Amino acid sequence: MANLGTTQRIPTPSKPSSPTTNVSEPKGPHEKPFADFKFYCPINIPLTAEAAASRIIRNLGNLGLYYTLFIWIILFITLIPQRKVSLILLVIMTYVTTLYGLLLRAFPNSVLLHRIIDKRIISSLLFIATAIQLIVTKAGIHFAVTMTCSVPVVLLHAVLWASSCEFAYETEEGSGKEELAPLTSGHNDSEAQNSDAV
C-alpha cells in the first residue's frame, strides 16, 4: 500500500533523563505563568482595635452602597409574604433615594447640593422616613429583625475585609479615553470633582 504522502520517522534512542533536584521548577513554557502563582486572601483579622475601627470606617465609606443593598434585599424578601403596603412604600422610598443619588451625580459642581446641603443628612432623613413608614404600616418587627440580623454581618465583613480599594475601578469600554469608572463612591470621587472644576 502506498503511504499517501506521509513519511514515517525512525525512532531514535532517547537519552536517559537526568534526575532533577528541584521538583517545583516549571518543565515547559506552558507551566511558567503558574510558577509564580501566590494565593491572596483579602480577608484577615486586624491586629489592633484602632486598625479595626479605621478599617470599618474605610469599608463603610467604600462599600456602603453594597452593604445598603444587602440589607435592603433582606428587608424586601421579609416583607413579600405579609406586608404588601409596606413593600410598596419601601420601593417608593428606594426610588426617591435613587433619584437623590442621580441628582448628586448629574450636578457635580452644584454648591447647593454638595456644600450647603450635606448628603449624609439627607440620607439619614430618608432612612428615618423609611423606618417611620415601616413602623406605621405595622412592619416594624420585620424592620427590627432585619436590622438586628444584618447589621452584625455587615460590621463583621467591614472588619475582616482588608482590601476594598484594589477592586474599586474598572475601565469603561464605551468612553473614548478608556476612563476609569468608580464602582463604589469613596474618596476618589471628591478628587475627580476637584480636577473637573479646574
N, C-alpha and C. Protein backbone atom coordinates (compact mmCIF):
# COMPACT_ATOMS: atom_id res chain seq x y z
N MET A 1 0.83 -1.17 0.00
CA MET A 1 0.00 0.00 0.00
C MET A 1 0.87 1.23 0.00
N ALA A 2 0.34 2.25 -0.52
CA ALA A 2 1.09 3.50 -0.59
C ALA A 2 0.91 4.29 0.70
N ASN A 3 1.91 5.10 0.99
CA ASN A 3 1.88 5.91 2.22
C ASN A 3 1.01 7.15 2.07
N LEU A 4 0.60 7.47 0.87
CA LEU A 4 -0.24 8.63 0.59
C LEU A 4 0.40 9.94 1.07
N GLY A 5 1.67 10.11 0.82
CA GLY A 5 2.35 11.36 1.09
C GLY A 5 2.85 11.52 2.51
N THR A 6 2.71 10.54 3.34
CA THR A 6 3.20 10.67 4.72
C THR A 6 4.55 10.00 4.84
N THR A 7 5.35 10.54 5.68
CA THR A 7 6.66 9.94 5.94
C THR A 7 6.70 9.42 7.35
N GLN A 8 7.39 8.36 7.53
CA GLN A 8 7.49 7.76 8.86
C GLN A 8 8.85 8.08 9.45
N ARG A 9 8.86 8.38 10.73
CA ARG A 9 10.11 8.66 11.43
C ARG A 9 10.67 7.38 11.99
N ILE A 10 11.96 7.34 11.96
CA ILE A 10 12.64 6.21 12.59
C ILE A 10 12.91 6.61 14.02
N PRO A 11 12.44 5.84 14.97
CA PRO A 11 12.65 6.23 16.37
C PRO A 11 14.12 6.20 16.73
N THR A 12 14.54 7.26 17.42
CA THR A 12 15.93 7.34 17.90
C THR A 12 15.92 6.99 19.37
N PRO A 13 16.98 6.38 19.82
CA PRO A 13 17.02 6.05 21.24
C PRO A 13 17.08 7.32 22.07
N SER A 14 16.23 7.39 23.07
CA SER A 14 16.18 8.59 23.92
C SER A 14 17.27 8.53 24.97
N LYS A 15 17.74 9.72 25.33
CA LYS A 15 18.77 9.82 26.38
C LYS A 15 18.10 9.63 27.72
N PRO A 16 18.78 9.01 28.63
CA PRO A 16 18.19 8.87 29.96
C PRO A 16 18.05 10.26 30.59
N SER A 17 16.92 10.49 31.19
CA SER A 17 16.68 11.81 31.79
C SER A 17 17.50 11.94 33.07
N SER A 18 18.09 13.13 33.22
CA SER A 18 18.90 13.39 34.41
C SER A 18 17.96 13.68 35.58
N PRO A 19 18.33 13.24 36.75
CA PRO A 19 17.46 13.50 37.91
C PRO A 19 17.45 15.00 38.23
N THR A 20 16.26 15.55 38.48
CA THR A 20 16.14 16.97 38.83
C THR A 20 16.15 17.12 40.34
N THR A 21 16.81 18.18 40.76
CA THR A 21 16.90 18.42 42.20
C THR A 21 15.69 19.21 42.69
N ASN A 22 15.16 20.12 41.87
CA ASN A 22 14.03 20.93 42.28
C ASN A 22 12.79 20.48 41.50
N VAL A 23 11.84 19.94 42.19
CA VAL A 23 10.64 19.41 41.54
C VAL A 23 9.69 20.53 41.15
N SER A 24 9.73 21.69 41.83
CA SER A 24 8.76 22.75 41.58
C SER A 24 9.13 23.65 40.41
N GLU A 25 10.24 23.43 39.77
CA GLU A 25 10.60 24.24 38.61
C GLU A 25 9.68 23.91 37.45
N PRO A 26 9.30 24.93 36.66
CA PRO A 26 8.44 24.65 35.51
C PRO A 26 9.17 23.81 34.47
N LYS A 27 8.46 22.83 33.94
CA LYS A 27 9.07 21.91 32.99
C LYS A 27 8.91 22.38 31.56
N GLY A 28 7.90 23.16 31.30
CA GLY A 28 7.67 23.60 29.93
C GLY A 28 7.20 25.04 29.91
N PRO A 29 7.12 25.64 28.72
CA PRO A 29 6.70 27.04 28.65
C PRO A 29 5.24 27.25 29.06
N HIS A 30 4.42 26.22 28.96
CA HIS A 30 3.03 26.38 29.35
C HIS A 30 2.86 26.40 30.86
N GLU A 31 3.86 26.00 31.62
CA GLU A 31 3.77 25.99 33.07
C GLU A 31 4.39 27.23 33.70
N LYS A 32 5.07 28.08 32.94
CA LYS A 32 5.74 29.25 33.51
C LYS A 32 4.77 30.26 34.13
N PRO A 33 3.60 30.54 33.54
CA PRO A 33 2.71 31.50 34.20
C PRO A 33 2.24 31.05 35.57
N PHE A 34 2.20 29.75 35.81
CA PHE A 34 1.72 29.26 37.09
C PHE A 34 2.84 29.06 38.11
N ALA A 35 4.09 29.28 37.71
CA ALA A 35 5.20 29.06 38.63
C ALA A 35 5.24 30.10 39.74
N ASP A 36 4.83 31.35 39.42
CA ASP A 36 4.88 32.43 40.40
C ASP A 36 3.51 32.70 41.03
N PHE A 37 2.60 31.77 40.94
CA PHE A 37 1.26 31.95 41.47
C PHE A 37 1.31 31.97 42.99
N LYS A 38 0.68 33.00 43.56
CA LYS A 38 0.58 33.11 45.00
C LYS A 38 -0.88 33.33 45.36
N PHE A 39 -1.34 32.66 46.38
CA PHE A 39 -2.72 32.78 46.82
C PHE A 39 -2.85 34.04 47.65
N TYR A 40 -3.85 34.87 47.33
CA TYR A 40 -4.09 36.11 48.06
C TYR A 40 -5.50 36.07 48.65
N CYS A 41 -5.62 36.26 49.93
CA CYS A 41 -6.91 36.27 50.60
C CYS A 41 -7.15 37.68 51.13
N PRO A 42 -8.21 38.38 50.65
CA PRO A 42 -8.44 39.75 51.10
C PRO A 42 -9.08 39.86 52.48
N ILE A 43 -9.29 38.74 53.14
CA ILE A 43 -9.91 38.77 54.46
C ILE A 43 -8.88 38.37 55.50
N ASN A 44 -8.67 39.25 56.49
CA ASN A 44 -7.81 38.92 57.61
C ASN A 44 -8.26 39.69 58.85
N ILE A 45 -7.75 39.30 59.98
CA ILE A 45 -8.14 39.91 61.25
C ILE A 45 -7.19 41.06 61.55
N PRO A 46 -7.73 42.25 61.85
CA PRO A 46 -6.85 43.38 62.20
C PRO A 46 -6.13 43.12 63.53
N LEU A 47 -4.94 43.71 63.65
CA LEU A 47 -4.12 43.45 64.83
C LEU A 47 -4.55 44.24 66.06
N THR A 48 -5.01 45.48 65.85
CA THR A 48 -5.38 46.32 67.00
C THR A 48 -6.82 46.81 66.83
N ALA A 49 -7.35 47.36 67.91
CA ALA A 49 -8.70 47.91 67.86
C ALA A 49 -8.75 49.16 66.98
N GLU A 50 -7.67 49.94 66.98
CA GLU A 50 -7.62 51.13 66.14
C GLU A 50 -7.62 50.75 64.66
N ALA A 51 -6.89 49.70 64.32
CA ALA A 51 -6.87 49.23 62.93
C ALA A 51 -8.24 48.71 62.53
N ALA A 52 -8.93 48.05 63.45
CA ALA A 52 -10.28 47.55 63.15
C ALA A 52 -11.25 48.71 62.94
N ALA A 53 -11.15 49.73 63.79
CA ALA A 53 -12.05 50.89 63.65
C ALA A 53 -11.80 51.64 62.35
N SER A 54 -10.54 51.84 62.01
CA SER A 54 -10.25 52.54 60.76
C SER A 54 -10.67 51.71 59.55
N ARG A 55 -10.55 50.40 59.66
CA ARG A 55 -10.98 49.53 58.56
C ARG A 55 -12.50 49.56 58.41
N ILE A 56 -13.23 49.60 59.53
CA ILE A 56 -14.69 49.69 59.46
C ILE A 56 -15.10 50.99 58.80
N ILE A 57 -14.49 52.10 59.20
CA ILE A 57 -14.84 53.40 58.63
C ILE A 57 -14.53 53.43 57.14
N ARG A 58 -13.36 52.93 56.75
CA ARG A 58 -12.98 52.93 55.33
C ARG A 58 -13.91 52.05 54.51
N ASN A 59 -14.22 50.85 55.02
CA ASN A 59 -15.07 49.94 54.26
C ASN A 59 -16.52 50.41 54.20
N LEU A 60 -17.01 51.04 55.26
CA LEU A 60 -18.36 51.59 55.21
C LEU A 60 -18.44 52.73 54.19
N GLY A 61 -17.36 53.50 54.07
CA GLY A 61 -17.33 54.56 53.06
C GLY A 61 -17.23 54.02 51.65
N ASN A 62 -16.39 53.00 51.46
CA ASN A 62 -16.17 52.47 50.12
C ASN A 62 -17.24 51.48 49.67
N LEU A 63 -17.72 50.65 50.58
CA LEU A 63 -18.67 49.59 50.22
C LEU A 63 -20.06 49.83 50.79
N GLY A 64 -20.35 51.06 51.21
CA GLY A 64 -21.64 51.37 51.82
C GLY A 64 -22.81 51.07 50.92
N LEU A 65 -22.66 51.31 49.64
CA LEU A 65 -23.74 51.02 48.70
C LEU A 65 -24.08 49.54 48.68
N TYR A 66 -23.05 48.69 48.69
CA TYR A 66 -23.27 47.25 48.68
C TYR A 66 -23.87 46.76 50.00
N TYR A 67 -23.42 47.33 51.10
CA TYR A 67 -23.98 46.97 52.39
C TYR A 67 -25.45 47.37 52.47
N THR A 68 -25.78 48.56 51.98
CA THR A 68 -27.16 49.01 51.97
C THR A 68 -28.03 48.11 51.09
N LEU A 69 -27.51 47.74 49.95
CA LEU A 69 -28.25 46.85 49.06
C LEU A 69 -28.48 45.48 49.70
N PHE A 70 -27.49 44.99 50.42
CA PHE A 70 -27.62 43.71 51.12
C PHE A 70 -28.75 43.77 52.14
N ILE A 71 -28.78 44.83 52.95
CA ILE A 71 -29.83 44.98 53.96
C ILE A 71 -31.18 45.19 53.30
N TRP A 72 -31.21 45.97 52.21
CA TRP A 72 -32.46 46.24 51.50
C TRP A 72 -33.05 44.96 50.93
N ILE A 73 -32.23 44.11 50.36
CA ILE A 73 -32.72 42.85 49.78
C ILE A 73 -33.30 41.96 50.87
N ILE A 74 -32.65 41.89 52.01
CA ILE A 74 -33.18 41.07 53.12
C ILE A 74 -34.52 41.62 53.59
N LEU A 75 -34.62 42.94 53.74
CA LEU A 75 -35.88 43.56 54.15
C LEU A 75 -36.96 43.35 53.10
N PHE A 76 -36.61 43.47 51.85
CA PHE A 76 -37.56 43.27 50.75
C PHE A 76 -38.12 41.85 50.78
N ILE A 77 -37.24 40.87 50.97
CA ILE A 77 -37.68 39.47 50.98
C ILE A 77 -38.57 39.18 52.20
N THR A 78 -38.25 39.78 53.35
CA THR A 78 -39.08 39.52 54.54
C THR A 78 -40.45 40.19 54.44
N LEU A 79 -40.56 41.26 53.66
CA LEU A 79 -41.85 41.95 53.53
C LEU A 79 -42.76 41.32 52.48
N ILE A 80 -42.23 40.53 51.57
CA ILE A 80 -43.03 40.00 50.46
C ILE A 80 -44.25 39.19 50.93
N PRO A 81 -44.12 38.23 51.84
CA PRO A 81 -45.29 37.38 52.09
C PRO A 81 -46.45 38.07 52.81
N GLN A 82 -46.18 39.03 53.72
CA GLN A 82 -47.27 39.52 54.57
C GLN A 82 -47.57 41.00 54.43
N ARG A 83 -46.61 41.82 54.17
CA ARG A 83 -46.79 43.28 54.23
C ARG A 83 -46.66 43.91 52.85
N LYS A 84 -47.74 43.87 52.07
CA LYS A 84 -47.70 44.40 50.71
C LYS A 84 -47.62 45.93 50.69
N VAL A 85 -48.35 46.60 51.57
CA VAL A 85 -48.33 48.06 51.59
C VAL A 85 -46.95 48.56 52.02
N SER A 86 -46.38 47.92 53.00
CA SER A 86 -45.03 48.29 53.46
C SER A 86 -44.02 48.08 52.35
N LEU A 87 -44.21 47.02 51.58
CA LEU A 87 -43.31 46.73 50.46
C LEU A 87 -43.39 47.82 49.39
N ILE A 88 -44.61 48.27 49.10
CA ILE A 88 -44.78 49.34 48.11
C ILE A 88 -44.15 50.64 48.61
N LEU A 89 -44.33 50.96 49.89
CA LEU A 89 -43.71 52.17 50.45
C LEU A 89 -42.19 52.06 50.46
N LEU A 90 -41.65 50.87 50.71
CA LEU A 90 -40.20 50.67 50.67
C LEU A 90 -39.67 50.91 49.25
N VAL A 91 -40.38 50.43 48.26
CA VAL A 91 -39.96 50.63 46.87
C VAL A 91 -40.03 52.11 46.50
N ILE A 92 -41.08 52.81 46.95
CA ILE A 92 -41.19 54.24 46.66
C ILE A 92 -40.04 55.01 47.29
N MET A 93 -39.71 54.70 48.54
CA MET A 93 -38.59 55.38 49.19
C MET A 93 -37.26 55.03 48.52
N THR A 94 -37.17 53.83 47.97
CA THR A 94 -35.97 53.46 47.22
C THR A 94 -35.84 54.31 45.97
N TYR A 95 -36.95 54.53 45.29
CA TYR A 95 -36.92 55.38 44.10
C TYR A 95 -36.53 56.82 44.46
N VAL A 96 -37.07 57.33 45.57
CA VAL A 96 -36.73 58.69 45.99
C VAL A 96 -35.24 58.79 46.31
N THR A 97 -34.71 57.80 47.01
CA THR A 97 -33.28 57.79 47.34
C THR A 97 -32.43 57.68 46.08
N THR A 98 -32.85 56.87 45.14
CA THR A 98 -32.11 56.73 43.88
C THR A 98 -32.13 58.03 43.09
N LEU A 99 -33.28 58.70 43.06
CA LEU A 99 -33.35 59.99 42.36
C LEU A 99 -32.45 61.02 43.00
N TYR A 100 -32.37 61.02 44.33
CA TYR A 100 -31.46 61.94 45.01
C TYR A 100 -30.01 61.63 44.65
N GLY A 101 -29.65 60.35 44.62
CA GLY A 101 -28.29 59.98 44.22
C GLY A 101 -27.98 60.36 42.77
N LEU A 102 -28.96 60.19 41.89
CA LEU A 102 -28.76 60.59 40.49
C LEU A 102 -28.65 62.11 40.36
N LEU A 103 -29.40 62.83 41.18
CA LEU A 103 -29.31 64.28 41.18
C LEU A 103 -27.93 64.74 41.62
N LEU A 104 -27.36 64.07 42.62
CA LEU A 104 -26.00 64.40 43.05
C LEU A 104 -24.98 64.15 41.94
N ARG A 105 -25.16 63.04 41.20
CA ARG A 105 -24.23 62.72 40.11
C ARG A 105 -24.43 63.62 38.90
N ALA A 106 -25.67 64.08 38.67
CA ALA A 106 -25.95 64.90 37.49
C ALA A 106 -25.37 66.30 37.63
N PHE A 107 -25.30 66.80 38.85
CA PHE A 107 -24.78 68.15 39.09
C PHE A 107 -23.60 68.08 40.06
N PRO A 108 -22.43 67.65 39.58
CA PRO A 108 -21.28 67.51 40.49
C PRO A 108 -20.70 68.83 40.96
N ASN A 109 -20.96 69.92 40.25
CA ASN A 109 -20.38 71.21 40.63
C ASN A 109 -21.37 72.10 41.35
N SER A 110 -22.52 71.57 41.74
CA SER A 110 -23.54 72.36 42.41
C SER A 110 -23.11 72.66 43.85
N VAL A 111 -23.07 73.95 44.17
CA VAL A 111 -22.69 74.36 45.52
C VAL A 111 -23.81 74.00 46.49
N LEU A 112 -25.05 74.14 46.06
CA LEU A 112 -26.18 73.85 46.92
C LEU A 112 -26.23 72.37 47.31
N LEU A 113 -26.04 71.47 46.36
CA LEU A 113 -26.17 70.05 46.63
C LEU A 113 -24.96 69.46 47.36
N HIS A 114 -23.78 70.01 47.13
CA HIS A 114 -22.58 69.38 47.68
C HIS A 114 -21.96 70.12 48.86
N ARG A 115 -22.18 71.42 48.97
CA ARG A 115 -21.54 72.16 50.04
C ARG A 115 -22.53 72.60 51.12
N ILE A 116 -23.69 73.12 50.69
CA ILE A 116 -24.65 73.65 51.66
C ILE A 116 -25.47 72.52 52.29
N ILE A 117 -26.02 71.64 51.45
CA ILE A 117 -26.80 70.51 51.95
C ILE A 117 -25.88 69.30 51.99
N ASP A 118 -25.70 68.75 53.17
CA ASP A 118 -24.82 67.58 53.33
C ASP A 118 -25.59 66.32 52.95
N LYS A 119 -24.98 65.48 52.13
CA LYS A 119 -25.68 64.28 51.68
C LYS A 119 -25.88 63.27 52.81
N ARG A 120 -25.06 63.33 53.84
CA ARG A 120 -25.26 62.43 54.98
C ARG A 120 -26.54 62.76 55.73
N ILE A 121 -26.86 64.06 55.82
CA ILE A 121 -28.09 64.48 56.50
C ILE A 121 -29.30 64.02 55.70
N ILE A 122 -29.27 64.21 54.37
CA ILE A 122 -30.39 63.79 53.53
C ILE A 122 -30.54 62.27 53.57
N SER A 123 -29.44 61.55 53.52
CA SER A 123 -29.51 60.08 53.59
C SER A 123 -30.08 59.62 54.93
N SER A 124 -29.69 60.30 56.01
CA SER A 124 -30.22 59.96 57.33
C SER A 124 -31.72 60.25 57.40
N LEU A 125 -32.15 61.38 56.84
CA LEU A 125 -33.58 61.70 56.82
C LEU A 125 -34.37 60.68 56.00
N LEU A 126 -33.84 60.26 54.88
CA LEU A 126 -34.51 59.24 54.07
C LEU A 126 -34.59 57.91 54.82
N PHE A 127 -33.55 57.55 55.55
CA PHE A 127 -33.57 56.32 56.35
C PHE A 127 -34.61 56.42 57.46
N ILE A 128 -34.66 57.56 58.15
CA ILE A 128 -35.63 57.74 59.24
C ILE A 128 -37.05 57.73 58.68
N ALA A 129 -37.28 58.37 57.53
CA ALA A 129 -38.61 58.37 56.92
C ALA A 129 -39.04 56.96 56.53
N THR A 130 -38.11 56.17 56.00
CA THR A 130 -38.42 54.79 55.64
C THR A 130 -38.74 53.97 56.88
N ALA A 131 -37.98 54.15 57.95
CA ALA A 131 -38.24 53.42 59.19
C ALA A 131 -39.59 53.79 59.78
N ILE A 132 -39.95 55.07 59.75
CA ILE A 132 -41.25 55.50 60.28
C ILE A 132 -42.38 54.93 59.44
N GLN A 133 -42.22 54.93 58.12
CA GLN A 133 -43.25 54.34 57.25
C GLN A 133 -43.44 52.86 57.53
N LEU A 134 -42.36 52.15 57.75
CA LEU A 134 -42.47 50.72 58.05
C LEU A 134 -43.12 50.48 59.40
N ILE A 135 -42.82 51.32 60.37
CA ILE A 135 -43.42 51.16 61.70
C ILE A 135 -44.92 51.49 61.65
N VAL A 136 -45.29 52.54 60.93
CA VAL A 136 -46.71 52.92 60.83
C VAL A 136 -47.52 51.85 60.11
N THR A 137 -46.94 51.20 59.13
CA THR A 137 -47.66 50.15 58.39
C THR A 137 -47.52 48.78 59.04
N LYS A 138 -47.15 48.76 60.30
CA LYS A 138 -47.06 47.54 61.11
C LYS A 138 -46.02 46.55 60.60
N ALA A 139 -44.95 47.06 60.01
CA ALA A 139 -43.84 46.21 59.60
C ALA A 139 -42.59 46.53 60.41
N GLY A 140 -42.80 47.12 61.59
CA GLY A 140 -41.69 47.48 62.45
C GLY A 140 -40.91 46.27 62.96
N ILE A 141 -41.62 45.17 63.20
CA ILE A 141 -40.94 43.96 63.65
C ILE A 141 -40.04 43.41 62.56
N HIS A 142 -40.54 43.43 61.32
CA HIS A 142 -39.73 42.97 60.19
C HIS A 142 -38.47 43.84 60.06
N PHE A 143 -38.67 45.15 60.20
CA PHE A 143 -37.56 46.08 60.10
C PHE A 143 -36.55 45.84 61.22
N ALA A 144 -37.03 45.68 62.45
CA ALA A 144 -36.12 45.48 63.58
C ALA A 144 -35.36 44.17 63.47
N VAL A 145 -36.05 43.11 63.07
CA VAL A 145 -35.38 41.81 62.94
C VAL A 145 -34.35 41.85 61.80
N THR A 146 -34.71 42.49 60.69
CA THR A 146 -33.77 42.60 59.58
C THR A 146 -32.53 43.38 59.98
N MET A 147 -32.71 44.50 60.66
CA MET A 147 -31.56 45.29 61.10
C MET A 147 -30.74 44.55 62.14
N THR A 148 -31.40 43.85 63.05
CA THR A 148 -30.68 43.11 64.09
C THR A 148 -29.85 41.98 63.52
N CYS A 149 -30.36 41.34 62.47
CA CYS A 149 -29.63 40.21 61.89
C CYS A 149 -28.59 40.63 60.86
N SER A 150 -28.85 41.69 60.11
CA SER A 150 -27.94 42.02 59.01
C SER A 150 -26.82 42.99 59.39
N VAL A 151 -27.06 43.88 60.34
CA VAL A 151 -26.01 44.84 60.71
C VAL A 151 -24.78 44.15 61.30
N PRO A 152 -24.92 43.14 62.18
CA PRO A 152 -23.70 42.46 62.65
C PRO A 152 -22.93 41.77 61.52
N VAL A 153 -23.63 41.23 60.53
CA VAL A 153 -22.96 40.60 59.39
C VAL A 153 -22.19 41.65 58.59
N VAL A 154 -22.81 42.81 58.39
CA VAL A 154 -22.15 43.90 57.66
C VAL A 154 -20.93 44.39 58.42
N LEU A 155 -21.06 44.57 59.73
CA LEU A 155 -19.91 45.04 60.52
C LEU A 155 -18.79 44.00 60.57
N LEU A 156 -19.15 42.74 60.63
CA LEU A 156 -18.14 41.68 60.60
C LEU A 156 -17.38 41.70 59.27
N HIS A 157 -18.11 41.87 58.19
CA HIS A 157 -17.45 41.94 56.88
C HIS A 157 -16.57 43.19 56.79
N ALA A 158 -17.06 44.32 57.33
CA ALA A 158 -16.28 45.55 57.29
C ALA A 158 -15.00 45.44 58.10
N VAL A 159 -15.02 44.67 59.18
CA VAL A 159 -13.81 44.48 59.98
C VAL A 159 -12.83 43.55 59.27
N LEU A 160 -13.32 42.49 58.67
CA LEU A 160 -12.43 41.47 58.11
C LEU A 160 -11.95 41.77 56.70
N TRP A 161 -12.67 42.57 55.92
CA TRP A 161 -12.29 42.84 54.54
C TRP A 161 -11.12 43.81 54.52
N ALA A 162 -9.97 43.32 54.05
CA ALA A 162 -8.73 44.09 54.16
C ALA A 162 -8.49 45.01 52.98
N SER A 163 -8.87 44.63 51.78
CA SER A 163 -8.51 45.43 50.61
C SER A 163 -9.73 45.72 49.77
N SER A 164 -10.39 46.81 50.09
CA SER A 164 -11.54 47.19 49.28
C SER A 164 -11.17 48.17 48.19
N CYS A 165 -10.00 48.79 48.25
CA CYS A 165 -9.64 49.79 47.26
C CYS A 165 -9.05 49.19 46.00
N GLU A 166 -8.59 47.95 46.03
CA GLU A 166 -7.92 47.38 44.87
C GLU A 166 -8.89 47.07 43.74
N PHE A 167 -10.15 46.80 44.05
CA PHE A 167 -11.11 46.42 43.04
C PHE A 167 -12.14 47.51 42.79
N ALA A 168 -11.83 48.73 43.13
CA ALA A 168 -12.82 49.79 43.08
C ALA A 168 -12.98 50.43 41.71
N TYR A 169 -12.18 50.07 40.73
CA TYR A 169 -12.28 50.71 39.43
C TYR A 169 -12.30 49.68 38.31
N GLU A 170 -13.01 50.00 37.27
CA GLU A 170 -12.97 49.21 36.05
C GLU A 170 -13.00 50.19 34.89
N THR A 171 -12.48 49.78 33.74
CA THR A 171 -12.44 50.68 32.60
C THR A 171 -13.77 50.66 31.88
N GLU A 172 -14.19 51.84 31.42
CA GLU A 172 -15.41 51.94 30.64
C GLU A 172 -15.04 51.72 29.18
N GLU A 173 -15.64 50.73 28.56
CA GLU A 173 -15.34 50.42 27.17
C GLU A 173 -15.92 51.47 26.23
N GLY A 174 -17.06 52.06 26.60
CA GLY A 174 -17.72 53.00 25.71
C GLY A 174 -17.04 54.35 25.64
N SER A 175 -16.24 54.70 26.62
CA SER A 175 -15.60 56.01 26.61
C SER A 175 -14.43 56.02 25.64
N GLY A 176 -14.20 57.14 25.04
CA GLY A 176 -13.14 57.24 24.05
C GLY A 176 -11.75 57.19 24.65
N LYS A 177 -11.63 57.58 25.91
CA LYS A 177 -10.31 57.66 26.53
C LYS A 177 -10.02 56.48 27.44
N GLU A 178 -10.89 55.48 27.48
CA GLU A 178 -10.74 54.33 28.40
C GLU A 178 -10.61 54.84 29.84
N GLU A 179 -11.57 55.66 30.25
CA GLU A 179 -11.55 56.25 31.58
C GLU A 179 -11.87 55.20 32.63
N LEU A 180 -11.42 55.47 33.85
CA LEU A 180 -11.75 54.59 34.96
C LEU A 180 -13.08 55.01 35.55
N ALA A 181 -13.96 54.07 35.74
CA ALA A 181 -15.28 54.35 36.31
C ALA A 181 -15.34 53.79 37.72
N PRO A 182 -15.66 54.62 38.73
CA PRO A 182 -15.72 54.09 40.09
C PRO A 182 -16.91 53.17 40.26
N LEU A 183 -16.65 52.01 40.87
CA LEU A 183 -17.73 51.08 41.18
C LEU A 183 -18.38 51.42 42.50
N THR A 184 -17.63 52.07 43.37
CA THR A 184 -18.16 52.49 44.66
C THR A 184 -17.82 53.95 44.85
N SER A 185 -18.55 54.63 45.70
CA SER A 185 -18.22 56.02 45.98
C SER A 185 -17.25 56.05 47.14
N GLY A 186 -16.18 56.76 46.95
CA GLY A 186 -15.17 56.84 48.00
C GLY A 186 -14.47 58.17 47.93
N HIS A 187 -13.27 58.21 48.46
CA HIS A 187 -12.50 59.45 48.49
C HIS A 187 -12.07 59.87 47.09
N ASN A 188 -12.06 58.99 46.13
CA ASN A 188 -11.63 59.32 44.78
C ASN A 188 -12.66 60.16 44.05
N ASP A 189 -13.94 60.13 44.46
CA ASP A 189 -14.96 60.94 43.83
C ASP A 189 -14.71 62.42 44.07
N SER A 190 -14.31 62.77 45.29
CA SER A 190 -14.05 64.18 45.57
C SER A 190 -12.83 64.68 44.82
N GLU A 191 -11.82 63.81 44.63
CA GLU A 191 -10.66 64.21 43.86
C GLU A 191 -11.03 64.41 42.39
N ALA A 192 -11.92 63.57 41.86
CA ALA A 192 -12.35 63.71 40.47
C ALA A 192 -13.17 64.99 40.29
N GLN A 193 -13.98 65.36 41.29
CA GLN A 193 -14.75 66.58 41.20
C GLN A 193 -13.84 67.80 41.25
N ASN A 194 -12.80 67.76 42.06
CA ASN A 194 -11.87 68.88 42.14
C ASN A 194 -11.10 69.03 40.84
N SER A 195 -10.73 67.91 40.19
CA SER A 195 -9.99 68.02 38.93
C SER A 195 -10.91 68.47 37.81
N ASP A 196 -12.23 68.16 37.88
CA ASP A 196 -13.18 68.65 36.86
C ASP A 196 -13.39 70.14 36.97
N ALA A 197 -13.35 70.66 38.20
CA ALA A 197 -13.59 72.07 38.42
C ALA A 197 -12.44 72.93 37.91
N VAL A 198 -11.23 72.36 37.85
CA VAL A 198 -10.05 73.12 37.42
C VAL A 198 -9.97 73.22 35.96
